[in-house]
Amino acid sequence: MLGKRIREARNRAGLSQQQLASAIGVSDKTISAYEVGRVDPPLESLDKLSTVTKHPVGFFIGDVSSNIEARLNSILLELEEICGVLKDTGMVKKSVMKEAMARESSTSSQE
């Protein structure tokens, strides 16, 4: 179960085994061993995994509320990325303008 959670957190963070390994100071073979369950990470590594993947330690050990929190954090990061893309393409301005025009039209028709 712990190995699956490590893999899931790594994938959600968009990291390869090599990238995660470099970030926490171990080899990619060690990350592989964690993920397949051959080796359990020491607490220090688990704490680093938590920090790098932005998943609470409880997520890795099966705490249900931490799992939900991790999923929500993942969704939040995706939404922030989407908003950034929309802002860069000017789509946010267009949608805000359309909404404002719709409101103005609605207000005018009510008068």
PDB file of N, CA and C in Angstrom:
ATOM      1  N   MET A   1       0.834  -1.205   0.000  1.00  0.00           N
ATOM      2  CA  MET A   1       0.000   0.000   0.000  1.00  0.00           C
ATOM      3  C   MET A   1       0.867   1.253   0.000  1.00  0.00           C
ATOM      4  N   LEU A   2       1.918   1.288   0.804  1.00  0.00           N
ATOM      5  CA  LEU A   2       2.796   2.458   0.882  1.00  0.00           C
ATOM      6  C   LEU A   2       3.451   2.725  -0.470  1.00  0.00           C
ATOM      7  N   GLY A   3       3.916   1.678  -1.124  1.00  0.00           N
ATOM      8  CA  GLY A   3       4.554   1.828  -2.431  1.00  0.00           C
ATOM      9  C   GLY A   3       3.613   2.427  -3.461  1.00  0.00           C
ATOM     10  N   LYS A   4       2.363   1.955  -3.459  1.00  0.00           N
ATOM     11  CA  LYS A   4       1.367   2.498  -4.396  1.00  0.00           C
ATOM     12  C   LYS A   4       1.134   3.984  -4.132  1.00  0.00           C
ATOM     13  N   ARG A   5       1.102   4.350  -2.880  1.00  0.00           N
ATOM     14  CA  ARG A   5       0.874   5.755  -2.527  1.00  0.00           C
ATOM     15  C   ARG A   5       2.055   6.625  -2.972  1.00  0.00           C
ATOM     16  N   ILE A   6       3.253   6.097  -2.833  1.00  0.00           N
ATOM     17  CA  ILE A   6       4.436   6.852  -3.258  1.00  0.00           C
ATOM     18  C   ILE A   6       4.387   7.063  -4.768  1.00  0.00           C
ATOM     19  N   ARG A   7       4.069   6.008  -5.503  1.00  0.00           N
ATOM     20  CA  ARG A   7       3.974   6.113  -6.959  1.00  0.00           C
ATOM     21  C   ARG A   7       2.873   7.108  -7.351  1.00  0.00           C
ATOM     22  N   GLU A   8       1.727   7.000  -6.690  1.00  0.00           N
ATOM     23  CA  GLU A   8       0.608   7.896  -6.988  1.00  0.00           C
ATOM     24  C   GLU A   8       0.985   9.356  -6.740  1.00  0.00           C
ATOM     25  N   ALA A   9       1.623   9.617  -5.616  1.00  0.00           N
ATOM     26  CA  ALA A   9       2.031  10.993  -5.286  1.00  0.00           C
ATOM     27  C   ALA A   9       3.057  11.500  -6.297  1.00  0.00           C
ATOM     28  N   ARG A  10       3.986  10.638  -6.685  1.00  0.00           N
ATOM     29  CA  ARG A  10       5.001  11.030  -7.669  1.00  0.00           C
ATOM     30  C   ARG A  10       4.346  11.371  -9.004  1.00  0.00           C
ATOM     31  N   ASN A  11       3.427  10.521  -9.437  1.00  0.00           N
ATOM     32  CA  ASN A  11       2.741  10.759 -10.705  1.00  0.00           C
ATOM     33  C   ASN A  11       1.899  12.035 -10.660  1.00  0.00           C
ATOM     34  N   ARG A  12       1.194  12.250  -9.563  1.00  0.00           N
ATOM     35  CA  ARG A  12       0.392  13.469  -9.422  1.00  0.00           C
ATOM     36  C   ARG A  12       1.268  14.713  -9.467  1.00  0.00           C
ATOM     37  N   ALA A  13       2.471  14.589  -8.936  1.00  0.00           N
ATOM     38  CA  ALA A  13       3.400  15.720  -8.928  1.00  0.00           C
ATOM     39  C   ALA A  13       4.083  15.884 -10.281  1.00  0.00           C
ATOM     40  N   GLY A  14       3.854  14.928 -11.182  1.00  0.00           N
ATOM     41  CA  GLY A  14       4.442  15.013 -12.519  1.00  0.00           C
ATOM     42  C   GLY A  14       5.942  14.777 -12.539  1.00  0.00           C
ATOM     43  N   LEU A  15       6.410  13.921 -11.633  1.00  0.00           N
ATOM     44  CA  LEU A  15       7.839  13.662 -11.514  1.00  0.00           C
ATOM     45  C   LEU A  15       8.197  12.254 -11.976  1.00  0.00           C
ATOM     46  N   SER A  16       9.363  12.126 -12.579  1.00  0.00           N
ATOM     47  CA  SER A  16       9.891  10.795 -12.888  1.00  0.00           C
ATOM     48  C   SER A  16      10.540  10.246 -11.619  1.00  0.00           C
ATOM     49  N   GLN A  17      10.861   8.971 -11.630  1.00  0.00           N
ATOM     50  CA  GLN A  17      11.558   8.402 -10.478  1.00  0.00           C
ATOM     51  C   GLN A  17      12.892   9.112 -10.273  1.00  0.00           C
ATOM     52  N   GLN A  18      13.577   9.409 -11.358  1.00  0.00           N
ATOM     53  CA  GLN A  18      14.876  10.094 -11.280  1.00  0.00           C
ATOM     54  C   GLN A  18      14.729  11.487 -10.671  1.00  0.00           C
ATOM     55  N   GLN A  19      13.720  12.224 -11.095  1.00  0.00           N
ATOM     56  CA  GLN A  19      13.500  13.573 -10.566  1.00  0.00           C
ATOM     57  C   GLN A  19      13.182  13.540  -9.080  1.00  0.00           C
ATOM     58  N   LEU A  20      12.318  12.610  -8.690  1.00  0.00           N
ATOM     59  CA  LEU A  20      11.973  12.486  -7.274  1.00  0.00           C
ATOM     60  C   LEU A  20      13.190  12.080  -6.458  1.00  0.00           C
ATOM     61  N   ALA A  21      13.949  11.131  -7.000  1.00  0.00           N
ATOM     62  CA  ALA A  21      15.152  10.675  -6.309  1.00  0.00           C
ATOM     63  C   ALA A  21      16.114  11.836  -6.063  1.00  0.00           C
ATOM     64  N   SER A  22      16.358  12.632  -7.090  1.00  0.00           N
ATOM     65  CA  SER A  22      17.262  13.785  -6.949  1.00  0.00           C
ATOM     66  C   SER A  22      16.736  14.768  -5.910  1.00  0.00           C
ATOM     67  N   ALA A  23      15.434  14.979  -5.920  1.00  0.00           N
ATOM     68  CA  ALA A  23      14.829  15.950  -5.004  1.00  0.00           C
ATOM     69  C   ALA A  23      14.938  15.540  -3.541  1.00  0.00           C
ATOM     70  N   ILE A  24      14.923  14.226  -3.278  1.00  0.00           N
ATOM     71  CA  ILE A  24      14.982  13.803  -1.871  1.00  0.00           C
ATOM     72  C   ILE A  24      16.343  13.210  -1.483  1.00  0.00           C
ATOM     73  N   GLY A  25      17.258  13.160  -2.447  1.00  0.00           N
ATOM     74  CA  GLY A  25      18.622  12.737  -2.127  1.00  0.00           C
ATOM     75  C   GLY A  25      18.848  11.237  -2.061  1.00  0.00           C
ATOM     76  N   VAL A  26      18.140  10.493  -2.901  1.00  0.00           N
ATOM     77  CA  VAL A  26      18.366   9.045  -2.989  1.00  0.00           C
ATOM     78  C   VAL A  26      18.513   8.684  -4.468  1.00  0.00           C
ATOM     79  N   SER A  27      18.759   7.409  -4.759  1.00  0.00           N
ATOM     80  CA  SER A  27      18.877   6.981  -6.153  1.00  0.00           C
ATOM     81  C   SER A  27      17.500   6.637  -6.724  1.00  0.00           C
ATOM     82  N   ASP A  28      17.419   6.613  -8.051  1.00  0.00           N
ATOM     83  CA  ASP A  28      16.159   6.219  -8.680  1.00  0.00           C
ATOM     84  C   ASP A  28      15.846   4.755  -8.393  1.00  0.00           C
ATOM     85  N   LYS A  29      16.869   3.943  -8.166  1.00  0.00           N
ATOM     86  CA  LYS A  29      16.656   2.538  -7.789  1.00  0.00           C
ATOM     87  C   LYS A  29      15.985   2.448  -6.411  1.00  0.00           C
ATOM     88  N   THR A  30      16.325   3.382  -5.534  1.00  0.00           N
ATOM     89  CA  THR A  30      15.696   3.422  -4.206  1.00  0.00           C
ATOM     90  C   THR A  30      14.224   3.774  -4.340  1.00  0.00           C
ATOM     91  N   ILE A  31      13.916   4.753  -5.186  1.00  0.00           N
ATOM     92  CA  ILE A  31      12.505   5.123  -5.411  1.00  0.00           C
ATOM     93  C   ILE A  31      11.754   3.920  -5.965  1.00  0.00           C
ATOM     94  N   SER A  32      12.352   3.219  -6.906  1.00  0.00           N
ATOM     95  CA  SER A  32      11.734   2.022  -7.475  1.00  0.00           C
ATOM     96  C   SER A  32      11.472   0.990  -6.384  1.00  0.00           C
ATOM     97  N   ALA A  33      12.454   0.802  -5.508  1.00  0.00           N
ATOM     98  CA  ALA A  33      12.304  -0.165  -4.410  1.00  0.00           C
ATOM     99  C   ALA A  33      11.179   0.250  -3.462  1.00  0.00           C
ATOM    100  N   TYR A  34      11.040   1.550  -3.218  1.00  0.00           N
ATOM    101  CA  TYR A  34       9.935   2.037  -2.391  1.00  0.00           C
ATOM    102  C   TYR A  34       8.602   1.714  -3.061  1.00  0.00           C
ATOM    103  N   GLU A  35       8.532   2.008  -4.362  1.00  0.00           N
ATOM    104  CA  GLU A  35       7.261   1.878  -5.074  1.00  0.00           C
ATOM    105  C   GLU A  35       6.799   0.433  -5.225  1.00  0.00           C
ATOM    106  N   VAL A  36       7.719  -0.503  -5.350  1.00  0.00           N
ATOM    107  CA  VAL A  36       7.309  -1.908  -5.481  1.00  0.00           C
ATOM    108  C   VAL A  36       7.214  -2.602  -4.129  1.00  0.00           C
ATOM    109  N   GLY A  37       7.583  -1.898  -3.068  1.00  0.00           N
ATOM    110  CA  GLY A  37       7.425  -2.450  -1.724  1.00  0.00           C
ATOM    111  C   GLY A  37       8.581  -3.297  -1.242  1.00  0.00           C
ATOM    112  N   ARG A  38       9.716  -3.263  -1.941  1.00  0.00           N
ATOM    113  CA  ARG A  38      10.884  -4.026  -1.471  1.00  0.00           C
ATOM    114  C   ARG A  38      11.493  -3.385  -0.240  1.00  0.00           C
ATOM    115  N   VAL A  39      11.382  -2.064  -0.160  1.00  0.00           N
ATOM    116  CA  VAL A  39      11.974  -1.309   0.938  1.00  0.00           C
ATOM    117  C   VAL A  39      10.978  -0.257   1.395  1.00  0.00           C
ATOM    118  N   ASP A  40      10.835  -0.110   2.701  1.00  0.00           N
ATOM    119  CA  ASP A  40      10.025   0.982   3.244  1.00  0.00           C
ATOM    120  C   ASP A  40      10.943   2.173   3.489  1.00  0.00           C
ATOM    121  N   PRO A  41      10.515   3.352   3.080  1.00  0.00           N
ATOM    122  CA  PRO A  41      11.377   4.525   3.287  1.00  0.00           C
ATOM    123  C   PRO A  41      11.494   4.865   4.770  1.00  0.00           C
ATOM    124  N   PRO A  42      12.691   5.309   5.176  1.00  0.00           N
ATOM    125  CA  PRO A  42      12.818   5.783   6.563  1.00  0.00           C
ATOM    126  C   PRO A  42      11.973   7.050   6.734  1.00  0.00           C
ATOM    127  N   LEU A  43      11.672   7.389   7.952  1.00  0.00           N
ATOM    128  CA  LEU A  43      10.815   8.536   8.244  1.00  0.00           C
ATOM    129  C   LEU A  43      11.345   9.821   7.612  1.00  0.00           C
ATOM    130  N   GLU A  44      12.646  10.007   7.632  1.00  0.00           N
ATOM    131  CA  GLU A  44      13.239  11.212   7.032  1.00  0.00           C
ATOM    132  C   GLU A  44      12.917  11.283   5.532  1.00  0.00           C
ATOM    133  N   SER A  45      13.025  10.160   4.831  1.00  0.00           N
ATOM    134  CA  SER A  45      12.707  10.137   3.403  1.00  0.00           C
ATOM    135  C   SER A  45      11.218  10.343   3.173  1.00  0.00           C
ATOM    136  N   LEU A  46      10.404   9.771   4.034  1.00  0.00           N
ATOM    137  CA  LEU A  46       8.955   9.938   3.923  1.00  0.00           C
ATOM    138  C   LEU A  46       8.579  11.412   4.083  1.00  0.00           C
ATOM    139  N   ASP A  47       9.247  12.075   5.001  1.00  0.00           N
ATOM    140  CA  ASP A  47       9.011  13.500   5.198  1.00  0.00           C
ATOM    141  C   ASP A  47       9.417  14.297   3.957  1.00  0.00           C
ATOM    142  N   LYS A  48      10.549  13.943   3.350  1.00  0.00           N
ATOM    143  CA  LYS A  48      10.996  14.621   2.125  1.00  0.00           C
ATOM    144  C   LYS A  48      10.036  14.320   0.973  1.00  0.00           C
ATOM    145  N   LEU A  49       9.571  13.075   0.881  1.00  0.00           N
ATOM    146  CA  LEU A  49       8.584  12.717  -0.156  1.00  0.00           C
ATOM    147  C   LEU A  49       7.339  13.578  -0.007  1.00  0.00           C
ATOM    148  N   SER A  50       6.928  13.756   1.216  1.00  0.00           N
ATOM    149  CA  SER A  50       5.754  14.569   1.511  1.00  0.00           C
ATOM    150  C   SER A  50       5.948  16.001   1.027  1.00  0.00           C
ATOM    151  N   THR A  51       7.092  16.570   1.324  1.00  0.00           N
ATOM    152  CA  THR A  51       7.379  17.950   0.946  1.00  0.00           C
ATOM    153  C   THR A  51       7.446  18.111  -0.572  1.00  0.00           C
ATOM    154  N   VAL A  52       8.187  17.237  -1.225  1.00  0.00           N
ATOM    155  CA  VAL A  52       8.406  17.357  -2.668  1.00  0.00           C
ATOM    156  C   VAL A  52       7.120  17.116  -3.465  1.00  0.00           C
ATOM    157  N   THR A  53       6.332  16.139  -3.050  1.00  0.00           N
ATOM    158  CA  THR A  53       5.115  15.809  -3.801  1.00  0.00           C
ATOM    159  C   THR A  53       3.903  16.609  -3.331  1.00  0.00           C
ATOM    160  N   LYS A  54       4.082  17.394  -2.273  1.00  0.00           N
ATOM    161  CA  LYS A  54       2.999  18.201  -1.702  1.00  0.00           C
ATOM    162  C   LYS A  54       1.814  17.336  -1.252  1.00  0.00           C
ATOM    163  N   HIS A  55       2.150  16.193  -0.670  1.00  0.00           N
ATOM    164  CA  HIS A  55       1.156  15.290  -0.085  1.00  0.00           C
ATOM    165  C   HIS A  55       1.506  15.136   1.397  1.00  0.00           C
ATOM    166  N   PRO A  56       0.528  15.244   2.271  1.00  0.00           N
ATOM    167  CA  PRO A  56       0.825  15.080   3.702  1.00  0.00           C
ATOM    168  C   PRO A  56       1.308  13.657   3.996  1.00  0.00           C
ATOM    169  N   VAL A  57       2.119  13.521   5.034  1.00  0.00           N
ATOM    170  CA  VAL A  57       2.652  12.208   5.409  1.00  0.00           C
ATOM    171  C   VAL A  57       1.514  11.210   5.610  1.00  0.00           C
ATOM    172  N   GLY A  58       0.402  11.670   6.147  1.00  0.00           N
ATOM    173  CA  GLY A  58      -0.746  10.792   6.362  1.00  0.00           C
ATOM    174  C   GLY A  58      -1.242  10.135   5.089  1.00  0.00           C
ATOM    175  N   PHE A  59      -1.080  10.799   3.963  1.00  0.00           N
ATOM    176  CA  PHE A  59      -1.476  10.219   2.676  1.00  0.00           C
ATOM    177  C   PHE A  59      -0.738   8.904   2.430  1.00  0.00           C
ATOM    178  N   PHE A  60       0.539   8.898   2.751  1.00  0.00           N
ATOM    179  CA  PHE A  60       1.362   7.717   2.492  1.00  0.00           C
ATOM    180  C   PHE A  60       1.047   6.558   3.426  1.00  0.00           C
ATOM    181  N   ILE A  61       0.621   6.881   4.629  1.00  0.00           N
ATOM    182  CA  ILE A  61       0.366   5.806   5.590  1.00  0.00           C
ATOM    183  C   ILE A  61      -1.108   5.421   5.683  1.00  0.00           C
ATOM    184  N   GLY A  62      -1.938   6.030   4.831  1.00  0.00           N
ATOM    185  CA  GLY A  62      -3.320   5.581   4.724  1.00  0.00           C
ATOM    186  C   GLY A  62      -4.350   6.370   5.493  1.00  0.00           C
ATOM    187  N   ASP A  63      -3.999   7.546   5.975  1.00  0.00           N
ATOM    188  CA  ASP A  63      -4.963   8.394   6.665  1.00  0.00           C
ATOM    189  C   ASP A  63      -5.960   8.928   5.639  1.00  0.00           C
ATOM    190  N   VAL A  64      -7.232   8.570   5.775  1.00  0.00           N
ATOM    191  CA  VAL A  64      -8.259   8.916   4.791  1.00  0.00           C
ATOM    192  C   VAL A  64      -8.384  10.424   4.603  1.00  0.00           C
ATOM    193  N   SER A  65      -8.405  11.182   5.683  1.00  0.00           N
ATOM    194  CA  SER A  65      -8.558  12.636   5.542  1.00  0.00           C
ATOM    195  C   SER A  65      -7.356  13.235   4.821  1.00  0.00           C
ATOM    196  N   SER A  66      -6.176  12.693   5.039  1.00  0.00           N
ATOM    197  CA  SER A  66      -4.992  13.186   4.337  1.00  0.00           C
ATOM    198  C   SER A  66      -5.076  12.856   2.856  1.00  0.00           C
ATOM    199  N   ASN A  67      -5.652  11.710   2.524  1.00  0.00           N
ATOM    200  CA  ASN A  67      -5.814  11.326   1.123  1.00  0.00           C
ATOM    201  C   ASN A  67      -6.743  12.317   0.419  1.00  0.00           C
ATOM    202  N   ILE A  68      -7.830  12.657   1.058  1.00  0.00           N
ATOM    203  CA  ILE A  68      -8.771  13.626   0.486  1.00  0.00           C
ATOM    204  C   ILE A  68      -8.090  14.976   0.346  1.00  0.00           C
ATOM    205  N   GLU A  69      -7.356  15.389   1.364  1.00  0.00           N
ATOM    206  CA  GLU A  69      -6.646  16.661   1.319  1.00  0.00           C
ATOM    207  C   GLU A  69      -5.631  16.677   0.175  1.00  0.00           C
ATOM    208  N   ALA A  70      -4.928  15.579  -0.025  1.00  0.00           N
ATOM    209  CA  ALA A  70      -3.946  15.490  -1.109  1.00  0.00           C
ATOM    210  C   ALA A  70      -4.623  15.603  -2.471  1.00  0.00           C
ATOM    211  N   ARG A  71      -5.761  14.955  -2.623  1.00  0.00           N
ATOM    212  CA  ARG A  71      -6.490  15.045  -3.893  1.00  0.00           C
ATOM    213  C   ARG A  71      -6.973  16.470  -4.150  1.00  0.00           C
ATOM    214  N   LEU A  72      -7.480  17.107  -3.113  1.00  0.00           N
ATOM    215  CA  LEU A  72      -7.929  18.488  -3.263  1.00  0.00           C
ATOM    216  C   LEU A  72      -6.765  19.420  -3.609  1.00  0.00           C
ATOM    217  N   ASN A  73      -5.617  19.194  -2.986  1.00  0.00           N
ATOM    218  CA  ASN A  73      -4.445  20.004  -3.307  1.00  0.00           C
ATOM    219  C   ASN A  73      -4.029  19.797  -4.755  1.00  0.00           C
ATOM    220  N   SER A  74      -4.113  18.574  -5.226  1.00  0.00           N
ATOM    221  CA  SER A  74      -3.775  18.260  -6.609  1.00  0.00           C
ATOM    222  C   SER A  74      -4.723  18.988  -7.567  1.00  0.00           C
ATOM    223  N   ILE A  75      -6.007  18.974  -7.255  1.00  0.00           N
ATOM    224  CA  ILE A  75      -6.998  19.672  -8.081  1.00  0.00           C
ATOM    225  C   ILE A  75      -6.732  21.173  -8.065  1.00  0.00           C
ATOM    226  N   LEU A  76      -6.406  21.710  -6.905  1.00  0.00           N
ATOM    227  CA  LEU A  76      -6.109  23.131  -6.787  1.00  0.00           C
ATOM    228  C   LEU A  76      -4.923  23.517  -7.662  1.00  0.00           C
ATOM    229  N   LEU A  77      -3.869  22.707  -7.648  1.00  0.00           N
ATOM    230  CA  LEU A  77      -2.705  22.992  -8.486  1.00  0.00           C
ATOM    231  C   LEU A  77      -3.071  22.978  -9.965  1.00  0.00           C
ATOM    232  N   GLU A  78      -3.910  22.020 -10.364  1.00  0.00           N
ATOM    233  CA  GLU A  78      -4.345  21.947 -11.761  1.00  0.00           C
ATOM    234  C   GLU A  78      -5.172  23.179 -12.136  1.00  0.00           C
ATOM    235  N   LEU A  79      -6.060  23.610 -11.238  1.00  0.00           N
ATOM    236  CA  LEU A  79      -6.873  24.793 -11.504  1.00  0.00           C
ATOM    237  C   LEU A  79      -6.007  26.047 -11.636  1.00  0.00           C
ATOM    238  N   GLU A  80      -4.997  26.162 -10.786  1.00  0.00           N
ATOM    239  CA  GLU A  80      -4.098  27.309 -10.873  1.00  0.00           C
ATOM    240  C   GLU A  80      -3.366  27.315 -12.206  1.00  0.00           C
ATOM    241  N   GLU A  81      -2.954  26.137 -12.655  1.00  0.00           N
ATOM    242  CA  GLU A  81      -2.271  26.025 -13.949  1.00  0.00           C
ATOM    243  C   GLU A  81      -3.211  26.415 -15.090  1.00  0.00           C
ATOM    244  N   ILE A  82      -4.447  25.955 -15.033  1.00  0.00           N
ATOM    245  CA  ILE A  82      -5.435  26.287 -16.061  1.00  0.00           C
ATOM    246  C   ILE A  82      -5.689  27.793 -16.082  1.00  0.00           C
ATOM    247  N   CYS A  83      -5.849  28.393 -14.923  1.00  0.00           N
ATOM    248  CA  CYS A  83      -6.076  29.841 -14.849  1.00  0.00           C
ATOM    249  C   CYS A  83      -4.899  30.606 -15.444  1.00  0.00           C
ATOM    250  N   GLY A  84      -3.691  30.133 -15.181  1.00  0.00           N
ATOM    251  CA  GLY A  84      -2.509  30.773 -15.747  1.00  0.00           C
ATOM    252  C   GLY A  84      -2.505  30.708 -17.257  1.00  0.00           C
ATOM    253  N   VAL A  85      -2.875  29.564 -17.807  1.00  0.00           N
ATOM    254  CA  VAL A  85      -2.934  29.409 -19.259  1.00  0.00           C
ATOM    255  C   VAL A  85      -4.007  30.311 -19.834  1.00  0.00           C
ATOM    256  N   LEU A  86      -5.162  30.331 -19.207  1.00  0.00           N
ATOM    257  CA  LEU A  86      -6.250  31.183 -19.686  1.00  0.00           C
ATOM    258  C   LEU A  86      -5.855  32.656 -19.648  1.00  0.00           C
ATOM    259  N   LYS A  87      -5.210  33.048 -18.579  1.00  0.00           N
ATOM    260  CA  LYS A  87      -4.791  34.435 -18.444  1.00  0.00           C
ATOM    261  C   LYS A  87      -3.772  34.790 -19.531  1.00  0.00           C
ATOM    262  N   ASP A  88      -2.831  33.866 -19.790  1.00  0.00           N
ATOM    263  CA  ASP A  88      -1.806  34.101 -20.811  1.00  0.00           C
ATOM    264  C   ASP A  88      -2.402  34.224 -22.203  1.00  0.00           C
ATOM    265  N   THR A  89      -3.466  33.513 -22.478  1.00  0.00           N
ATOM    266  CA  THR A  89      -4.060  33.550 -23.813  1.00  0.00           C
ATOM    267  C   THR A  89      -5.105  34.643 -23.959  1.00  0.00           C
ATOM    268  N   GLY A  90      -5.402  35.345 -22.899  1.00  0.00           N
ATOM    269  CA  GLY A  90      -6.390  36.414 -22.965  1.00  0.00           C
ATOM    270  C   GLY A  90      -7.819  35.918 -22.877  1.00  0.00           C
ATOM    271  N   MET A  91      -8.007  34.609 -22.691  1.00  0.00           N
ATOM    272  CA  MET A  91      -9.356  34.058 -22.636  1.00  0.00           C
ATOM    273  C   MET A  91     -10.100  34.519 -21.404  1.00  0.00           C
ATOM    274  N   VAL A  92      -9.392  34.793 -20.345  1.00  0.00           N
ATOM    275  CA  VAL A  92     -10.052  35.249 -19.129  1.00  0.00           C
ATOM    276  C   VAL A  92     -10.710  36.590 -19.395  1.00  0.00           C
ATOM    277  N   LYS A  93     -10.012  37.487 -20.058  1.00  0.00           N
ATOM    278  CA  LYS A  93     -10.575  38.804 -20.351  1.00  0.00           C
ATOM    279  C   LYS A  93     -11.827  38.669 -21.203  1.00  0.00           C
ATOM    280  N   LYS A  94     -11.768  37.815 -22.213  1.00  0.00           N
ATOM    281  CA  LYS A  94     -12.917  37.642 -23.098  1.00  0.00           C
ATOM    282  C   LYS A  94     -14.122  37.128 -22.324  1.00  0.00           C
ATOM    283  N   SER A  95     -13.915  36.136 -21.470  1.00  0.00           N
ATOM    284  CA  SER A  95     -15.046  35.575 -20.741  1.00  0.00           C
ATOM    285  C   SER A  95     -15.599  36.573 -19.731  1.00  0.00           C
ATOM    286  N   VAL A  96     -14.725  37.360 -19.115  1.00  0.00           N
ATOM    287  CA  VAL A  96     -15.178  38.376 -18.163  1.00  0.00           C
ATOM    288  C   VAL A  96     -15.970  39.438 -18.899  1.00  0.00           C
ATOM    289  N   MET A  97     -15.496  39.821 -20.088  1.00  0.00           N
ATOM    290  CA  MET A  97     -16.212  40.824 -20.870  1.00  0.00           C
ATOM    291  C   MET A  97     -17.575  40.298 -21.307  1.00  0.00           C
ATOM    292  N   LYS A  98     -17.647  39.038 -21.744  1.00  0.00           N
ATOM    293  CA  LYS A  98     -18.924  38.452 -22.146  1.00  0.00           C
ATOM    294  C   LYS A  98     -19.898  38.438 -20.969  1.00  0.00           C
ATOM    295  N   GLU A  99     -19.378  38.088 -19.804  1.00  0.00           N
ATOM    296  CA  GLU A  99     -20.230  38.043 -18.607  1.00  0.00           C
ATOM    297  C   GLU A  99     -20.743  39.436 -18.273  1.00  0.00           C
ATOM    298  N   ALA A 100     -19.878  40.434 -18.366  1.00  0.00           N
ATOM    299  CA  ALA A 100     -20.280  41.805 -18.069  1.00  0.00           C
ATOM    300  C   ALA A 100     -21.330  42.278 -19.068  1.00  0.00           C
ATOM    301  N   MET A 101     -21.140  41.929 -20.340  1.00  0.00           N
ATOM    302  CA  MET A 101     -22.101  42.326 -21.362  1.00  0.00           C
ATOM    303  C   MET A 101     -23.447  41.643 -21.135  1.00  0.00           C
ATOM    304  N   ALA A 102     -23.416  40.400 -20.727  1.00  0.00           N
ATOM    305  CA  ALA A 102     -24.645  39.663 -20.460  1.00  0.00           C
ATOM    306  C   ALA A 102     -25.385  40.293 -19.280  1.00  0.00           C
ATOM    307  N   ARG A 103     -24.650  40.676 -18.265  1.00  0.00           N
ATOM    308  CA  ARG A 103     -25.275  41.336 -17.108  1.00  0.00           C
ATOM    309  C   ARG A 103     -25.900  42.665 -17.512  1.00  0.00           C
ATOM    310  N   GLU A 104     -25.147  43.427 -18.307  1.00  0.00           N
ATOM    311  CA  GLU A 104     -25.652  44.726 -18.759  1.00  0.00           C
ATOM    312  C   GLU A 104     -26.902  44.565 -19.594  1.00  0.00           C
ATOM    313  N   SER A 105     -26.901  43.575 -20.461  1.00  0.00           N
ATOM    314  CA  SER A 105     -28.058  43.296 -21.303  1.00  0.00           C
ATOM    315  C   SER A 105     -29.248  42.892 -20.447  1.00  0.00           C
ATOM    316  N   SER A 106     -28.981  42.069 -19.451  1.00  0.00           N
ATOM    317  CA  SER A 106     -30.035  41.599 -18.550  1.00  0.00           C
ATOM    318  C   SER A 106     -30.619  42.762 -17.763  1.00  0.00           C
ATOM    319  N   THR A 107     -29.768  43.657 -17.289  1.00  0.00           N
ATOM    320  CA  THR A 107     -30.219  44.817 -16.509  1.00  0.00           C
ATOM    321  C   THR A 107     -31.034  45.761 -17.385  1.00  0.00           C
ATOM    322  N   SER A 108     -30.575  45.982 -18.623  1.00  0.00           N
ATOM    323  CA  SER A 108     -31.275  46.881 -19.546  1.00  0.00           C
ATOM    324  C   SER A 108     -32.659  46.361 -19.883  1.00  0.00           C
ATOM    325  N   SER A 109     -32.787  45.065 -20.073  1.00  0.00           N
ATOM    326  CA  SER A 109     -34.084  44.479 -20.451  1.00  0.00           C
ATOM    327  C   SER A 109     -35.064  44.487 -19.285  1.00  0.00           C
ATOM    328  N   GLN A 110     -34.569  44.552 -18.058  1.00  0.00           N
ATOM    329  CA  GLN A 110     -35.432  44.575 -16.889  1.00  0.00           C
ATOM    330  C   GLN A 110     -36.019  45.957 -16.649  1.00  0.00           C
ATOM    331  N   GLU A 111     -35.337  46.980 -17.170  1.00  0.00           N
ATOM    332  CA  GLU A 111     -35.796  48.369 -16.934  1.00  0.00           C
ATOM    333  C   GLU A 111     -36.849  48.726 -17.850  1.00  0.00           C
TER     334      GLU A 111
END
